[in-house]
Amino acid sequence: MRLGWTTLSERADAEKLARAAVAQGLAACVKIEGPICSVYRWQGKVEEALEYRLCFKLLPEHSAALEALVHRLHPYDIPEWVCVDAAQISEKYLSWAQQPC
């Protein structure tokens, strides 16, 4: 199993992306957290913004398609997309995640 993250400035955009990922079977679950405060560099300046963080739980075979969906639906010029392998997943949770939509 993998975990993927992105952030969006608007709650409605976060919900739209989360629903699309689950509806298309690319993520078993998406958690929306926030708002959170992000501090980052943009065009030579240090910026600060309130954002919503999405945490996707996905199977490795859906990684490329989910990344493509994030880039297609995301309003940012350079959206965050970080995806890592989970070191340990309970058998019951993994079995649930592997169930077809």
PDB file of N, CA and C in Angstrom:
ATOM      1  N   MET A   1       0.842  -1.171   0.000  1.00  0.00           N
ATOM      2  CA  MET A   1       0.000   0.000   0.000  1.00  0.00           C
ATOM      3  C   MET A   1       0.889   1.235   0.000  1.00  0.00           C
ATOM      4  N   ARG A   2       0.354   2.299  -0.560  1.00  0.00           N
ATOM      5  CA  ARG A   2       1.069   3.568  -0.605  1.00  0.00           C
ATOM      6  C   ARG A   2       0.219   4.669   0.012  1.00  0.00           C
ATOM      7  N   LEU A   3       0.904   5.738   0.416  1.00  0.00           N
ATOM      8  CA  LEU A   3       0.261   6.948   0.900  1.00  0.00           C
ATOM      9  C   LEU A   3       0.717   8.085   0.003  1.00  0.00           C
ATOM     10  N   GLY A   4      -0.241   8.912  -0.426  1.00  0.00           N
ATOM     11  CA  GLY A   4       0.083  10.056  -1.270  1.00  0.00           C
ATOM     12  C   GLY A   4      -0.489  11.318  -0.659  1.00  0.00           C
ATOM     13  N   TRP A   5       0.206  12.451  -0.890  1.00  0.00           N
ATOM     14  CA  TRP A   5      -0.246  13.724  -0.332  1.00  0.00           C
ATOM     15  C   TRP A   5      -0.248  14.826  -1.374  1.00  0.00           C
ATOM     16  N   THR A   6      -1.208  15.709  -1.213  1.00  0.00           N
ATOM     17  CA  THR A   6      -1.222  16.976  -1.925  1.00  0.00           C
ATOM     18  C   THR A   6      -1.941  17.985  -1.049  1.00  0.00           C
ATOM     19  N   THR A   7      -1.856  19.267  -1.430  1.00  0.00           N
ATOM     20  CA  THR A   7      -2.577  20.317  -0.715  1.00  0.00           C
ATOM     21  C   THR A   7      -3.300  21.193  -1.722  1.00  0.00           C
ATOM     22  N   LEU A   8      -4.422  21.750  -1.287  1.00  0.00           N
ATOM     23  CA  LEU A   8      -5.217  22.663  -2.112  1.00  0.00           C
ATOM     24  C   LEU A   8      -5.678  23.831  -1.258  1.00  0.00           C
ATOM     25  N   SER A   9      -5.896  24.967  -1.900  1.00  0.00           N
ATOM     26  CA  SER A   9      -6.281  26.150  -1.138  1.00  0.00           C
ATOM     27  C   SER A   9      -7.771  26.199  -0.817  1.00  0.00           C
ATOM     28  N   GLU A  10      -8.596  25.515  -1.570  1.00  0.00           N
ATOM     29  CA  GLU A  10     -10.047  25.574  -1.373  1.00  0.00           C
ATOM     30  C   GLU A  10     -10.609  24.211  -0.958  1.00  0.00           C
ATOM     31  N   ARG A  11     -11.458  24.228   0.053  1.00  0.00           N
ATOM     32  CA  ARG A  11     -12.080  22.991   0.541  1.00  0.00           C
ATOM     33  C   ARG A  11     -12.876  22.295  -0.575  1.00  0.00           C
ATOM     34  N   ALA A  12     -13.602  23.053  -1.375  1.00  0.00           N
ATOM     35  CA  ALA A  12     -14.405  22.462  -2.452  1.00  0.00           C
ATOM     36  C   ALA A  12     -13.517  21.725  -3.453  1.00  0.00           C
ATOM     37  N   ASP A  13     -12.361  22.286  -3.777  1.00  0.00           N
ATOM     38  CA  ASP A  13     -11.425  21.613  -4.689  1.00  0.00           C
ATOM     39  C   ASP A  13     -10.888  20.329  -4.057  1.00  0.00           C
ATOM     40  N   ALA A  14     -10.611  20.378  -2.759  1.00  0.00           N
ATOM     41  CA  ALA A  14     -10.125  19.192  -2.053  1.00  0.00           C
ATOM     42  C   ALA A  14     -11.176  18.079  -2.080  1.00  0.00           C
ATOM     43  N   GLU A  15     -12.418  18.441  -1.817  1.00  0.00           N
ATOM     44  CA  GLU A  15     -13.497  17.444  -1.830  1.00  0.00           C
ATOM     45  C   GLU A  15     -13.696  16.872  -3.229  1.00  0.00           C
ATOM     46  N   LYS A  16     -13.622  17.715  -4.252  1.00  0.00           N
ATOM     47  CA  LYS A  16     -13.788  17.257  -5.631  1.00  0.00           C
ATOM     48  C   LYS A  16     -12.705  16.238  -5.994  1.00  0.00           C
ATOM     49  N   LEU A  17     -11.467  16.540  -5.661  1.00  0.00           N
ATOM     50  CA  LEU A  17     -10.362  15.643  -5.967  1.00  0.00           C
ATOM     51  C   LEU A  17     -10.470  14.339  -5.181  1.00  0.00           C
ATOM     52  N   ALA A  18     -10.809  14.435  -3.908  1.00  0.00           N
ATOM     53  CA  ALA A  18     -10.953  13.237  -3.079  1.00  0.00           C
ATOM     54  C   ALA A  18     -12.057  12.333  -3.612  1.00  0.00           C
ATOM     55  N   ARG A  19     -13.197  12.900  -3.928  1.00  0.00           N
ATOM     56  CA  ARG A  19     -14.316  12.107  -4.454  1.00  0.00           C
ATOM     57  C   ARG A  19     -13.983  11.462  -5.793  1.00  0.00           C
ATOM     58  N   ALA A  20     -13.309  12.196  -6.667  1.00  0.00           N
ATOM     59  CA  ALA A  20     -12.939  11.646  -7.977  1.00  0.00           C
ATOM     60  C   ALA A  20     -11.984  10.461  -7.810  1.00  0.00           C
ATOM     61  N   ALA A  21     -11.013  10.583  -6.916  1.00  0.00           N
ATOM     62  CA  ALA A  21     -10.038   9.512  -6.699  1.00  0.00           C
ATOM     63  C   ALA A  21     -10.706   8.245  -6.190  1.00  0.00           C
ATOM     64  N   VAL A  22     -11.632   8.391  -5.249  1.00  0.00           N
ATOM     65  CA  VAL A  22     -12.326   7.223  -4.697  1.00  0.00           C
ATOM     66  C   VAL A  22     -13.323   6.659  -5.705  1.00  0.00           C
ATOM     67  N   ALA A  23     -14.093   7.530  -6.361  1.00  0.00           N
ATOM     68  CA  ALA A  23     -15.092   7.078  -7.331  1.00  0.00           C
ATOM     69  C   ALA A  23     -14.459   6.320  -8.491  1.00  0.00           C
ATOM     70  N   GLN A  24     -13.264   6.731  -8.897  1.00  0.00           N
ATOM     71  CA  GLN A  24     -12.586   6.070 -10.010  1.00  0.00           C
ATOM     72  C   GLN A  24     -11.777   4.847  -9.570  1.00  0.00           C
ATOM     73  N   GLY A  25     -11.827   4.536  -8.280  1.00  0.00           N
ATOM     74  CA  GLY A  25     -11.126   3.371  -7.764  1.00  0.00           C
ATOM     75  C   GLY A  25      -9.620   3.536  -7.673  1.00  0.00           C
ATOM     76  N   LEU A  26      -9.139   4.770  -7.692  1.00  0.00           N
ATOM     77  CA  LEU A  26      -7.702   5.016  -7.635  1.00  0.00           C
ATOM     78  C   LEU A  26      -7.189   5.134  -6.209  1.00  0.00           C
ATOM     79  N   ALA A  27      -8.071   5.429  -5.266  1.00  0.00           N
ATOM     80  CA  ALA A  27      -7.730   5.488  -3.843  1.00  0.00           C
ATOM     81  C   ALA A  27      -8.813   4.759  -3.063  1.00  0.00           C
ATOM     82  N   ALA A  28      -8.398   4.036  -2.045  1.00  0.00           N
ATOM     83  CA  ALA A  28      -9.371   3.348  -1.181  1.00  0.00           C
ATOM     84  C   ALA A  28     -10.011   4.353  -0.231  1.00  0.00           C
ATOM     85  N   CYS A  29      -9.259   5.383   0.132  1.00  0.00           N
ATOM     86  CA  CYS A  29      -9.716   6.370   1.100  1.00  0.00           C
ATOM     87  C   CYS A  29      -8.898   7.641   0.910  1.00  0.00           C
ATOM     88  N   VAL A  30      -9.519   8.777   1.155  1.00  0.00           N
ATOM     89  CA  VAL A  30      -8.799  10.051   1.142  1.00  0.00           C
ATOM     90  C   VAL A  30      -9.229  10.832   2.378  1.00  0.00           C
ATOM     91  N   LYS A  31      -8.282  11.249   3.162  1.00  0.00           N
ATOM     92  CA  LYS A  31      -8.561  12.090   4.326  1.00  0.00           C
ATOM     93  C   LYS A  31      -8.277  13.532   3.961  1.00  0.00           C
ATOM     94  N   ILE A  32      -9.186  14.415   4.338  1.00  0.00           N
ATOM     95  CA  ILE A  32      -9.002  15.851   4.117  1.00  0.00           C
ATOM     96  C   ILE A  32      -8.780  16.483   5.486  1.00  0.00           C
ATOM     97  N   GLU A  33      -7.630  17.133   5.637  1.00  0.00           N
ATOM     98  CA  GLU A  33      -7.271  17.768   6.900  1.00  0.00           C
ATOM     99  C   GLU A  33      -7.123  19.266   6.690  1.00  0.00           C
ATOM    100  N   GLY A  34      -7.485  20.013   7.699  1.00  0.00           N
ATOM    101  CA  GLY A  34      -7.208  21.431   7.608  1.00  0.00           C
ATOM    102  C   GLY A  34      -8.393  22.303   7.943  1.00  0.00           C
ATOM    103  N   PRO A  35      -8.135  23.578   7.821  1.00  0.00           N
ATOM    104  CA  PRO A  35      -6.970  24.125   7.144  1.00  0.00           C
ATOM    105  C   PRO A  35      -5.687  23.988   7.956  1.00  0.00           C
ATOM    106  N   ILE A  36      -4.591  23.879   7.226  1.00  0.00           N
ATOM    107  CA  ILE A  36      -3.252  23.853   7.798  1.00  0.00           C
ATOM    108  C   ILE A  36      -2.499  25.066   7.257  1.00  0.00           C
ATOM    109  N   CYS A  37      -1.434  25.449   7.910  1.00  0.00           N
ATOM    110  CA  CYS A  37      -0.621  26.578   7.455  1.00  0.00           C
ATOM    111  C   CYS A  37       0.605  26.038   6.718  1.00  0.00           C
ATOM    112  N   SER A  38       0.769  26.446   5.472  1.00  0.00           N
ATOM    113  CA  SER A  38       1.936  26.070   4.678  1.00  0.00           C
ATOM    114  C   SER A  38       2.836  27.287   4.498  1.00  0.00           C
ATOM    115  N   VAL A  39       4.119  27.082   4.717  1.00  0.00           N
ATOM    116  CA  VAL A  39       5.126  28.104   4.468  1.00  0.00           C
ATOM    117  C   VAL A  39       6.038  27.534   3.391  1.00  0.00           C
ATOM    118  N   TYR A  40       6.234  28.288   2.299  1.00  0.00           N
ATOM    119  CA  TYR A  40       6.948  27.743   1.140  1.00  0.00           C
ATOM    120  C   TYR A  40       7.585  28.874   0.328  1.00  0.00           C
ATOM    121  N   ARG A  41       8.504  28.484  -0.554  1.00  0.00           N
ATOM    122  CA  ARG A  41       9.121  29.439  -1.482  1.00  0.00           C
ATOM    123  C   ARG A  41       8.311  29.443  -2.769  1.00  0.00           C
ATOM    124  N   TRP A  42       8.049  30.615  -3.294  1.00  0.00           N
ATOM    125  CA  TRP A  42       7.363  30.735  -4.581  1.00  0.00           C
ATOM    126  C   TRP A  42       7.860  31.994  -5.279  1.00  0.00           C
ATOM    127  N   GLN A  43       8.436  31.818  -6.436  1.00  0.00           N
ATOM    128  CA  GLN A  43       8.924  32.919  -7.262  1.00  0.00           C
ATOM    129  C   GLN A  43       9.850  33.850  -6.482  1.00  0.00           C
ATOM    130  N   GLY A  44      10.781  33.240  -5.740  1.00  0.00           N
ATOM    131  CA  GLY A  44      11.800  34.001  -5.032  1.00  0.00           C
ATOM    132  C   GLY A  44      11.385  34.596  -3.701  1.00  0.00           C
ATOM    133  N   LYS A  45      10.167  34.324  -3.258  1.00  0.00           N
ATOM    134  CA  LYS A  45       9.682  34.875  -1.985  1.00  0.00           C
ATOM    135  C   LYS A  45       9.222  33.752  -1.062  1.00  0.00           C
ATOM    136  N   VAL A  46       9.272  34.034   0.230  1.00  0.00           N
ATOM    137  CA  VAL A  46       8.698  33.119   1.214  1.00  0.00           C
ATOM    138  C   VAL A  46       7.227  33.483   1.364  1.00  0.00           C
ATOM    139  N   GLU A  47       6.369  32.517   1.133  1.00  0.00           N
ATOM    140  CA  GLU A  47       4.919  32.719   1.181  1.00  0.00           C
ATOM    141  C   GLU A  47       4.324  31.894   2.320  1.00  0.00           C
ATOM    142  N   GLU A  48       3.127  32.262   2.716  1.00  0.00           N
ATOM    143  CA  GLU A  48       2.388  31.526   3.743  1.00  0.00           C
ATOM    144  C   GLU A  48       0.929  31.485   3.311  1.00  0.00           C
ATOM    145  N   ALA A  49       0.313  30.297   3.434  1.00  0.00           N
ATOM    146  CA  ALA A  49      -1.080  30.158   3.007  1.00  0.00           C
ATOM    147  C   ALA A  49      -1.779  29.080   3.817  1.00  0.00           C
ATOM    148  N   LEU A  50      -3.087  29.244   3.970  1.00  0.00           N
ATOM    149  CA  LEU A  50      -3.905  28.188   4.553  1.00  0.00           C
ATOM    150  C   LEU A  50      -4.309  27.249   3.432  1.00  0.00           C
ATOM    151  N   GLU A  51      -4.140  25.950   3.687  1.00  0.00           N
ATOM    152  CA  GLU A  51      -4.453  24.937   2.683  1.00  0.00           C
ATOM    153  C   GLU A  51      -5.138  23.747   3.343  1.00  0.00           C
ATOM    154  N   TYR A  52      -5.678  22.892   2.500  1.00  0.00           N
ATOM    155  CA  TYR A  52      -6.259  21.622   2.923  1.00  0.00           C
ATOM    156  C   TYR A  52      -5.357  20.511   2.418  1.00  0.00           C
ATOM    157  N   ARG A  53      -4.969  19.613   3.335  1.00  0.00           N
ATOM    158  CA  ARG A  53      -4.084  18.501   2.977  1.00  0.00           C
ATOM    159  C   ARG A  53      -4.921  17.258   2.719  1.00  0.00           C
ATOM    160  N   LEU A  54      -4.654  16.618   1.596  1.00  0.00           N
ATOM    161  CA  LEU A  54      -5.300  15.350   1.272  1.00  0.00           C
ATOM    162  C   LEU A  54      -4.287  14.240   1.458  1.00  0.00           C
ATOM    163  N   CYS A  55      -4.691  13.179   2.153  1.00  0.00           N
ATOM    164  CA  CYS A  55      -3.875  11.984   2.325  1.00  0.00           C
ATOM    165  C   CYS A  55      -4.615  10.839   1.649  1.00  0.00           C
ATOM    166  N   PHE A  56      -4.028  10.305   0.586  1.00  0.00           N
ATOM    167  CA  PHE A  56      -4.628   9.225  -0.194  1.00  0.00           C
ATOM    168  C   PHE A  56      -4.047   7.886   0.256  1.00  0.00           C
ATOM    169  N   LYS A  57      -4.900   6.879   0.427  1.00  0.00           N
ATOM    170  CA  LYS A  57      -4.452   5.514   0.662  1.00  0.00           C
ATOM    171  C   LYS A  57      -4.714   4.769  -0.641  1.00  0.00           C
ATOM    172  N   LEU A  58      -3.658   4.236  -1.252  1.00  0.00           N
ATOM    173  CA  LEU A  58      -3.797   3.641  -2.577  1.00  0.00           C
ATOM    174  C   LEU A  58      -2.953   2.384  -2.722  1.00  0.00           C
ATOM    175  N   LEU A  59      -3.307   1.602  -3.715  1.00  0.00           N
ATOM    176  CA  LEU A  59      -2.536   0.421  -4.057  1.00  0.00           C
ATOM    177  C   LEU A  59      -1.485   0.817  -5.090  1.00  0.00           C
ATOM    178  N   PRO A  60      -0.323   0.176  -5.055  1.00  0.00           N
ATOM    179  CA  PRO A  60       0.763   0.564  -5.960  1.00  0.00           C
ATOM    180  C   PRO A  60       0.365   0.592  -7.438  1.00  0.00           C
ATOM    181  N   GLU A  61      -0.491  -0.302  -7.853  1.00  0.00           N
ATOM    182  CA  GLU A  61      -0.874  -0.353  -9.267  1.00  0.00           C
ATOM    183  C   GLU A  61      -1.693   0.862  -9.716  1.00  0.00           C
ATOM    184  N   HIS A  62      -2.158   1.673  -8.776  1.00  0.00           N
ATOM    185  CA  HIS A  62      -2.932   2.868  -9.110  1.00  0.00           C
ATOM    186  C   HIS A  62      -2.109   4.164  -9.029  1.00  0.00           C
ATOM    187  N   SER A  63      -0.834   4.044  -8.704  1.00  0.00           N
ATOM    188  CA  SER A  63      -0.005   5.232  -8.484  1.00  0.00           C
ATOM    189  C   SER A  63       0.037   6.169  -9.687  1.00  0.00           C
ATOM    190  N   ALA A  64       0.342   5.650 -10.857  1.00  0.00           N
ATOM    191  CA  ALA A  64       0.489   6.508 -12.040  1.00  0.00           C
ATOM    192  C   ALA A  64      -0.838   7.172 -12.410  1.00  0.00           C
ATOM    193  N   ALA A  65      -1.928   6.415 -12.369  1.00  0.00           N
ATOM    194  CA  ALA A  65      -3.238   6.980 -12.727  1.00  0.00           C
ATOM    195  C   ALA A  65      -3.683   8.026 -11.710  1.00  0.00           C
ATOM    196  N   LEU A  66      -3.412   7.792 -10.420  1.00  0.00           N
ATOM    197  CA  LEU A  66      -3.792   8.775  -9.405  1.00  0.00           C
ATOM    198  C   LEU A  66      -2.954  10.040  -9.552  1.00  0.00           C
ATOM    199  N   GLU A  67      -1.671   9.896  -9.817  1.00  0.00           N
ATOM    200  CA  GLU A  67      -0.837  11.072 -10.036  1.00  0.00           C
ATOM    201  C   GLU A  67      -1.356  11.883 -11.228  1.00  0.00           C
ATOM    202  N   ALA A  68      -1.745  11.202 -12.292  1.00  0.00           N
ATOM    203  CA  ALA A  68      -2.282  11.900 -13.468  1.00  0.00           C
ATOM    204  C   ALA A  68      -3.576  12.637 -13.123  1.00  0.00           C
ATOM    205  N   LEU A  69      -4.435  12.011 -12.318  1.00  0.00           N
ATOM    206  CA  LEU A  69      -5.678  12.655 -11.891  1.00  0.00           C
ATOM    207  C   LEU A  69      -5.388  13.900 -11.057  1.00  0.00           C
ATOM    208  N   VAL A  70      -4.459  13.787 -10.119  1.00  0.00           N
ATOM    209  CA  VAL A  70      -4.096  14.932  -9.277  1.00  0.00           C
ATOM    210  C   VAL A  70      -3.624  16.086 -10.159  1.00  0.00           C
ATOM    211  N   HIS A  71      -2.750  15.805 -11.114  1.00  0.00           N
ATOM    212  CA  HIS A  71      -2.235  16.874 -11.973  1.00  0.00           C
ATOM    213  C   HIS A  71      -3.321  17.444 -12.896  1.00  0.00           C
ATOM    214  N   ARG A  72      -4.255  16.620 -13.313  1.00  0.00           N
ATOM    215  CA  ARG A  72      -5.327  17.089 -14.193  1.00  0.00           C
ATOM    216  C   ARG A  72      -6.334  17.981 -13.466  1.00  0.00           C
ATOM    217  N   LEU A  73      -6.685  17.630 -12.224  1.00  0.00           N
ATOM    218  CA  LEU A  73      -7.724  18.364 -11.492  1.00  0.00           C
ATOM    219  C   LEU A  73      -7.184  19.478 -10.600  1.00  0.00           C
ATOM    220  N   HIS A  74      -5.893  19.488 -10.358  1.00  0.00           N
ATOM    221  CA  HIS A  74      -5.310  20.427  -9.399  1.00  0.00           C
ATOM    222  C   HIS A  74      -5.184  21.821 -10.013  1.00  0.00           C
ATOM    223  N   PRO A  75      -5.613  22.861  -9.295  1.00  0.00           N
ATOM    224  CA  PRO A  75      -5.537  24.228  -9.843  1.00  0.00           C
ATOM    225  C   PRO A  75      -4.154  24.876  -9.757  1.00  0.00           C
ATOM    226  N   TYR A  76      -3.226  24.326  -8.970  1.00  0.00           N
ATOM    227  CA  TYR A  76      -1.905  24.954  -8.821  1.00  0.00           C
ATOM    228  C   TYR A  76      -1.051  24.730 -10.069  1.00  0.00           C
ATOM    229  N   ASP A  77      -0.138  25.660 -10.341  1.00  0.00           N
ATOM    230  CA  ASP A  77       0.829  25.509 -11.436  1.00  0.00           C
ATOM    231  C   ASP A  77       1.738  24.305 -11.192  1.00  0.00           C
ATOM    232  N   ILE A  78       2.177  24.163  -9.952  1.00  0.00           N
ATOM    233  CA  ILE A  78       3.060  23.049  -9.571  1.00  0.00           C
ATOM    234  C   ILE A  78       2.467  22.386  -8.327  1.00  0.00           C
ATOM    235  N   PRO A  79       1.537  21.443  -8.504  1.00  0.00           N
ATOM    236  CA  PRO A  79       0.922  20.816  -7.330  1.00  0.00           C
ATOM    237  C   PRO A  79       1.890  19.880  -6.612  1.00  0.00           C
ATOM    238  N   GLU A  80       1.779  19.883  -5.303  1.00  0.00           N
ATOM    239  CA  GLU A  80       2.523  18.913  -4.508  1.00  0.00           C
ATOM    240  C   GLU A  80       1.987  17.527  -4.834  1.00  0.00           C
ATOM    241  N   TRP A  81       2.872  16.576  -5.077  1.00  0.00           N
ATOM    242  CA  TRP A  81       2.485  15.170  -5.126  1.00  0.00           C
ATOM    243  C   TRP A  81       3.644  14.370  -4.568  1.00  0.00           C
ATOM    244  N   VAL A  82       3.438  13.809  -3.384  1.00  0.00           N
ATOM    245  CA  VAL A  82       4.415  12.977  -2.708  1.00  0.00           C
ATOM    246  C   VAL A  82       3.734  11.650  -2.442  1.00  0.00           C
ATOM    247  N   CYS A  83       4.400  10.564  -2.827  1.00  0.00           N
ATOM    248  CA  CYS A  83       3.814   9.238  -2.647  1.00  0.00           C
ATOM    249  C   CYS A  83       4.902   8.315  -2.105  1.00  0.00           C
ATOM    250  N   VAL A  84       4.596   7.617  -1.007  1.00  0.00           N
ATOM    251  CA  VAL A  84       5.568   6.727  -0.366  1.00  0.00           C
ATOM    252  C   VAL A  84       4.924   5.374  -0.087  1.00  0.00           C
ATOM    253  N   ASP A  85       5.763   4.363  -0.019  1.00  0.00           N
ATOM    254  CA  ASP A  85       5.293   3.035   0.365  1.00  0.00           C
ATOM    255  C   ASP A  85       5.082   2.987   1.875  1.00  0.00           C
ATOM    256  N   ALA A  86       4.000   2.371   2.290  1.00  0.00           N
ATOM    257  CA  ALA A  86       3.738   2.188   3.723  1.00  0.00           C
ATOM    258  C   ALA A  86       4.598   1.026   4.220  1.00  0.00           C
ATOM    259  N   ALA A  87       5.237   1.208   5.348  1.00  0.00           N
ATOM    260  CA  ALA A  87       6.120   0.185   5.897  1.00  0.00           C
ATOM    261  C   ALA A  87       5.336  -0.980   6.496  1.00  0.00           C
ATOM    262  N   GLN A  88       4.160  -0.704   7.018  1.00  0.00           N
ATOM    263  CA  GLN A  88       3.371  -1.752   7.661  1.00  0.00           C
ATOM    264  C   GLN A  88       1.898  -1.413   7.555  1.00  0.00           C
ATOM    265  N   ILE A  89       1.101  -2.376   7.125  1.00  0.00           N
ATOM    266  CA  ILE A  89      -0.350  -2.216   6.999  1.00  0.00           C
ATOM    267  C   ILE A  89      -1.002  -3.435   7.636  1.00  0.00           C
ATOM    268  N   SER A  90      -2.039  -3.220   8.417  1.00  0.00           N
ATOM    269  CA  SER A  90      -2.727  -4.367   9.004  1.00  0.00           C
ATOM    270  C   SER A  90      -3.386  -5.185   7.894  1.00  0.00           C
ATOM    271  N   GLU A  91      -3.453  -6.492   8.086  1.00  0.00           N
ATOM    272  CA  GLU A  91      -4.034  -7.377   7.075  1.00  0.00           C
ATOM    273  C   GLU A  91      -5.481  -7.015   6.773  1.00  0.00           C
ATOM    274  N   LYS A  92      -6.252  -6.711   7.802  1.00  0.00           N
ATOM    275  CA  LYS A  92      -7.663  -6.388   7.588  1.00  0.00           C
ATOM    276  C   LYS A  92      -7.817  -5.103   6.772  1.00  0.00           C
ATOM    277  N   TYR A  93      -6.998  -4.090   7.065  1.00  0.00           N
ATOM    278  CA  TYR A  93      -7.104  -2.829   6.327  1.00  0.00           C
ATOM    279  C   TYR A  93      -6.689  -3.036   4.876  1.00  0.00           C
ATOM    280  N   LEU A  94      -5.613  -3.764   4.651  1.00  0.00           N
ATOM    281  CA  LEU A  94      -5.161  -4.025   3.288  1.00  0.00           C
ATOM    282  C   LEU A  94      -6.200  -4.828   2.514  1.00  0.00           C
ATOM    283  N   SER A  95      -6.805  -5.824   3.150  1.00  0.00           N
ATOM    284  CA  SER A  95      -7.868  -6.607   2.496  1.00  0.00           C
ATOM    285  C   SER A  95      -9.028  -5.712   2.114  1.00  0.00           C
ATOM    286  N   TRP A  96      -9.417  -4.799   2.998  1.00  0.00           N
ATOM    287  CA  TRP A  96     -10.492  -3.858   2.677  1.00  0.00           C
ATOM    288  C   TRP A  96     -10.115  -2.984   1.485  1.00  0.00           C
ATOM    289  N   ALA A  97      -8.881  -2.468   1.481  1.00  0.00           N
ATOM    290  CA  ALA A  97      -8.428  -1.589   0.409  1.00  0.00           C
ATOM    291  C   ALA A  97      -8.383  -2.312  -0.948  1.00  0.00           C
ATOM    292  N   GLN A  98      -8.165  -3.604  -0.931  1.00  0.00           N
ATOM    293  CA  GLN A  98      -8.055  -4.375  -2.161  1.00  0.00           C
ATOM    294  C   GLN A  98      -9.419  -4.790  -2.743  1.00  0.00           C
ATOM    295  N   GLN A  99     -10.485  -4.544  -2.012  1.00  0.00           N
ATOM    296  CA  GLN A  99     -11.820  -4.903  -2.504  1.00  0.00           C
ATOM    297  C   GLN A  99     -12.158  -4.032  -3.712  1.00  0.00           C
ATOM    298  N   PRO A 100     -12.759  -4.637  -4.746  1.00  0.00           N
ATOM    299  CA  PRO A 100     -13.161  -3.831  -5.912  1.00  0.00           C
ATOM    300  C   PRO A 100     -14.240  -2.826  -5.535  1.00  0.00           C
ATOM    301  N   CYS A 101     -14.289  -1.747  -6.296  1.00  0.00           N
ATOM    302  CA  CYS A 101     -15.252  -0.663  -6.035  1.00  0.00           C
ATOM    303  C   CYS A 101     -16.673  -1.145  -6.094  1.00  0.00           C
TER     304      CYS A 101
END
